Each structure stands twice: as C-alpha cells, then as structure tokens.
Amino acid sequence: MALVKVIAGNLFSGANLQKLEVGDFAEVDQATAQRWALIGLVELIEDSVFEVATPTQDTNEPEPEPEKPPRGKGGKKDKSDGDNAE
C-alpha cells in the first residue's frame, strides 16, 4: 500500500468513483500509486510494505499426537424406559 496526496483536480477513486479533491490523501496499492504519479495526478508520500511472518516447521521434531477423547468405564448403564417405578 502507498499513501498519496492528490495534486490534480480530475481524479476519481474506488468502486463508487468517489471524487478526490486537490490536497486529499488516499491509500492505494503501490502499482496504482506509481501509475498515478507517472501521469501527474498524485504525489507519492509513503510506501508501506507489509511483512507476514509464518512459523517454520521443524522436520526434526515429531508432530504432537492429537488428544484422544476419554474412554468410559466400560460398564453398561441401566436403560430407563422413563418410568421410575421399581
């Protein structure tokens, strides 16, 4: 992304074609900012570079085993027919 300052009066931006006035600041992708700067519509203020860190997977360590659900006691429960009479 890049921060630009509008220096031309005939610049429209966005999906809804919002008119940007002279002196307005806008944040656009770097390719668009460079194109607009080359034709004299904007002045490039700042380039922003985003870095994304992803964890590395160490192949020497084995993967942890997934947790197993606890097992019951194994005994059969009395089935109730909904009648509490003994």
C-alpha atoms as a PDB file:
ATOM      1  CA  MET A   1       0.000   0.000   0.000  1.00  0.00           C
ATOM      2  CA  ALA A   2       1.075   3.569  -0.599  1.00  0.00           C
ATOM      3  CA  LEU A   3      -0.057   6.907   0.788  1.00  0.00           C
ATOM      4  CA  VAL A   4      -0.548   9.563  -1.897  1.00  0.00           C
ATOM      5  CA  LYS A   5      -1.536  13.239  -1.966  1.00  0.00           C
ATOM      6  CA  VAL A   6      -3.845  14.350  -4.776  1.00  0.00           C
ATOM      7  CA  ILE A   7      -2.400  17.200  -6.894  1.00  0.00           C
ATOM      8  CA  ALA A   8      -4.843  17.094  -9.849  1.00  0.00           C
ATOM      9  CA  GLY A   9      -8.498  18.100  -9.837  1.00  0.00           C
ATOM     10  CA  ASN A  10      -9.816  15.291 -12.023  1.00  0.00           C
ATOM     11  CA  LEU A  11      -9.194  12.109 -10.006  1.00  0.00           C
ATOM     12  CA  PHE A  12     -11.892   9.600  -9.111  1.00  0.00           C
ATOM     13  CA  SER A  13     -11.161   6.576  -6.918  1.00  0.00           C
ATOM     14  CA  GLY A  14     -12.858   3.477  -5.559  1.00  0.00           C
ATOM     15  CA  ALA A  15     -15.721   1.250  -6.639  1.00  0.00           C
ATOM     16  CA  ASN A  16     -18.214   4.103  -6.194  1.00  0.00           C
ATOM     17  CA  LEU A  17     -15.943   6.540  -8.126  1.00  0.00           C
ATOM     18  CA  GLN A  18     -15.603   8.998  -5.255  1.00  0.00           C
ATOM     19  CA  LYS A  19     -14.064  12.277  -6.434  1.00  0.00           C
ATOM     20  CA  LEU A  20     -10.813  13.128  -4.662  1.00  0.00           C
ATOM     21  CA  GLU A  21     -10.187  16.848  -4.187  1.00  0.00           C
ATOM     22  CA  VAL A  22      -6.783  18.535  -4.537  1.00  0.00           C
ATOM     23  CA  GLY A  23      -4.901  18.109  -1.248  1.00  0.00           C
ATOM     24  CA  ASP A  24      -6.763  14.933  -0.203  1.00  0.00           C
ATOM     25  CA  PHE A  25      -4.757  11.942   0.980  1.00  0.00           C
ATOM     26  CA  ALA A  26      -5.590   8.414  -0.155  1.00  0.00           C
ATOM     27  CA  GLU A  27      -4.156   4.972   0.479  1.00  0.00           C
ATOM     28  CA  VAL A  28      -3.924   2.845  -2.676  1.00  0.00           C
ATOM     29  CA  ASP A  29      -1.898  -0.157  -3.839  1.00  0.00           C
ATOM     30  CA  GLN A  30       1.676   0.518  -4.979  1.00  0.00           C
ATOM     31  CA  ALA A  31       1.067  -0.186  -8.682  1.00  0.00           C
ATOM     32  CA  THR A  32      -1.814   2.312  -8.807  1.00  0.00           C
ATOM     33  CA  ALA A  33       0.195   4.921  -6.873  1.00  0.00           C
ATOM     34  CA  GLN A  34       3.111   4.615  -9.308  1.00  0.00           C
ATOM     35  CA  ARG A  35       0.801   4.884 -12.356  1.00  0.00           C
ATOM     36  CA  TRP A  36      -0.947   7.967 -10.956  1.00  0.00           C
ATOM     37  CA  ALA A  37       2.398   9.578 -10.016  1.00  0.00           C
ATOM     38  CA  LEU A  38       3.803   8.998 -13.534  1.00  0.00           C
ATOM     39  CA  ILE A  39       0.897  10.828 -15.175  1.00  0.00           C
ATOM     40  CA  GLY A  40       0.938  13.664 -12.619  1.00  0.00           C
ATOM     41  CA  LEU A  41      -2.275  13.025 -10.684  1.00  0.00           C
ATOM     42  CA  VAL A  42      -0.727  12.423  -7.244  1.00  0.00           C
ATOM     43  CA  GLU A  43       2.414  12.965  -5.211  1.00  0.00           C
ATOM     44  CA  LEU A  44       3.791   9.818  -3.562  1.00  0.00           C
ATOM     45  CA  ILE A  45       4.039  10.404   0.205  1.00  0.00           C
ATOM     46  CA  GLU A  46       4.912   6.999   1.690  1.00  0.00           C
ATOM     47  CA  ASP A  47       5.287   3.373   0.587  1.00  0.00           C
ATOM     48  CA  SER A  48       4.126   0.800   3.130  1.00  0.00           C
ATOM     49  CA  VAL A  49       5.412  -2.751   2.977  1.00  0.00           C
ATOM     50  CA  PHE A  50       3.613  -5.397   4.976  1.00  0.00           C
ATOM     51  CA  GLU A  51       5.589  -8.406   6.128  1.00  0.00           C
ATOM     52  CA  VAL A  52       3.814 -11.554   7.183  1.00  0.00           C
ATOM     53  CA  ALA A  53       5.632 -13.961   9.479  1.00  0.00           C
ATOM     54  CA  THR A  54       4.853 -17.633   9.106  1.00  0.00           C
ATOM     55  CA  PRO A  55       6.138 -20.221  11.545  1.00  0.00           C
ATOM     56  CA  THR A  56       8.717 -22.606  10.161  1.00  0.00           C
ATOM     57  CA  GLN A  57       8.037 -26.284  10.509  1.00  0.00           C
ATOM     58  CA  ASP A  58      10.988 -28.110  12.047  1.00  0.00           C
ATOM     59  CA  THR A  59      11.313 -31.504  10.356  1.00  0.00           C
ATOM     60  CA  ASN A  60      13.485 -32.933  13.165  1.00  0.00           C
ATOM     61  CA  GLU A  61      10.741 -32.858  15.783  1.00  0.00           C
ATOM     62  CA  PRO A  62       7.834 -35.305  15.529  1.00  0.00           C
ATOM     63  CA  GLU A  63       4.382 -33.794  15.315  1.00  0.00           C
ATOM     64  CA  PRO A  64       2.397 -33.937  18.563  1.00  0.00           C
ATOM     65  CA  GLU A  65      -0.288 -36.606  18.654  1.00  0.00           C
ATOM     66  CA  PRO A  66      -3.865 -35.325  18.736  1.00  0.00           C
ATOM     67  CA  GLU A  67      -5.661 -35.682  22.050  1.00  0.00           C
ATOM     68  CA  LYS A  68      -7.846 -38.760  22.336  1.00  0.00           C
ATOM     69  CA  PRO A  69     -11.300 -38.447  23.879  1.00  0.00           C
ATOM     70  CA  PRO A  70     -11.571 -40.000  27.369  1.00  0.00           C
ATOM     71  CA  ARG A  71     -12.936 -43.519  27.480  1.00  0.00           C
ATOM     72  CA  GLY A  72     -15.840 -44.508  29.695  1.00  0.00           C
ATOM     73  CA  LYS A  73     -15.632 -47.139  32.434  1.00  0.00           C
ATOM     74  CA  GLY A  74     -16.900 -49.746  30.034  1.00  0.00           C
ATOM     75  CA  GLY A  75     -19.823 -50.836  32.208  1.00  0.00           C
ATOM     76  CA  LYS A  76     -23.325 -50.981  30.839  1.00  0.00           C
ATOM     77  CA  LYS A  77     -25.751 -48.445  32.165  1.00  0.00           C
ATOM     78  CA  ASP A  78     -29.270 -49.400  33.105  1.00  0.00           C
ATOM     79  CA  LYS A  79     -31.631 -48.348  30.403  1.00  0.00           C
ATOM     80  CA  SER A  80     -34.534 -46.401  31.722  1.00  0.00           C
ATOM     81  CA  ASP A  81     -37.862 -46.559  29.982  1.00  0.00           C
ATOM     82  CA  GLY A  82     -38.853 -43.244  31.510  1.00  0.00           C
ATOM     83  CA  ASP A  83     -40.897 -44.935  34.243  1.00  0.00           C
ATOM     84  CA  ASN A  84     -39.340 -44.503  37.674  1.00  0.00           C
ATOM     85  CA  ALA A  85     -41.317 -47.376  39.210  1.00  0.00           C
ATOM     86  CA  GLU A  86     -39.249 -50.219  40.629  1.00  0.00           C
END
